[in-house]
Amino acid sequence: MHVTRIGGPTLLVELDGWRLVIDPTFDPPGHRYRFAFGTSSVKTLGPALPAEAMLPVDIALVSHDHHADNLDEAGRALLRSATHVITTESGARRLGLPQAVGLAPAASTHLAGDGRPDLTITATPCRHGPPLSHPIVGDVIGFAVRRTGDDGMALWVTGDTVLTADVRRTASAMAVDVAIVNVGGVRFGLTGLLRYTMTGADAMELIELLQPRVAVPAHYDGWSHFADGIDGLRRAVDSAPPSVREKIRWLEDGVPTDLG
């Protein structure tokens, strides 16, 4: 498996001949994007590679379509060229693409490999904020990617979530080779201390529970609302037990990294 960090939540995963793009964001920096109930964020870093470098896109995994830090305008344009788009049920309806499949948490879709291994992609639960925030933050999912017939997961993308009992149960129930763990400790001035994604410390706890072979942090830089950004994440990694630290892989921007 080769993984290329593009920036924010966006990565290119090359798995057994499949090309998967996670949460495509390719707009240039500098724009302020509006979220729900008056919240907003500025994109501060551009992508390490242009959208064209992702082609061909076999699978686009879109954890949610309604926040621009996970799907922006250039990302939406890229979706039109993807063979498969996997997202939430509500997101699939909004996107209106014939190749879009919407999944509820725990639901799966099966993709024929045509000479590559078949893949089964299962939606995993996310809560993108504090308790009772779903009417505001909307539907969000993560993705567990398994070679059909294998027992364990080749890849788990947590999606944008805080560390909940459901997320812990999901981690406890899976054997995962490579985990993409979204962090950032998202906060907005309008909602004070409330958090909308995991902090670095939360991520270390999750990795210790999950015990993947490799853990790749994502969603920690490039946006003004990432309150627990790269500095907080590095402190959390430095403070984590050696059994957790040894699993962390920092990816160089725009460079494919062989994760084995």
Foldseek 3Di string as FASTA:
>chain_A
DWWFAFAAFWIWDQDQNATEIELDAADAFDDWDDAFPGFIKGFAHGTLDHLVVSPPHAEYEQQADRDNSRANDSNLVNVQNYQAYEYAPVRCVVSVHPRYDHADAQDWDWADDVPGFIKIKGWADAFQWDPPCCVRRHGGTKIFICRPPDQATAETEGTFHEDDPRLLVVLQVGAYAEYEAEALQFDTPVVPNIGRGHALLRVLVSCVNNVHQAYEYHNADRMPRSPRHPVNNVVNLVPHPPSSVVRYDYHDHRDIDDPD
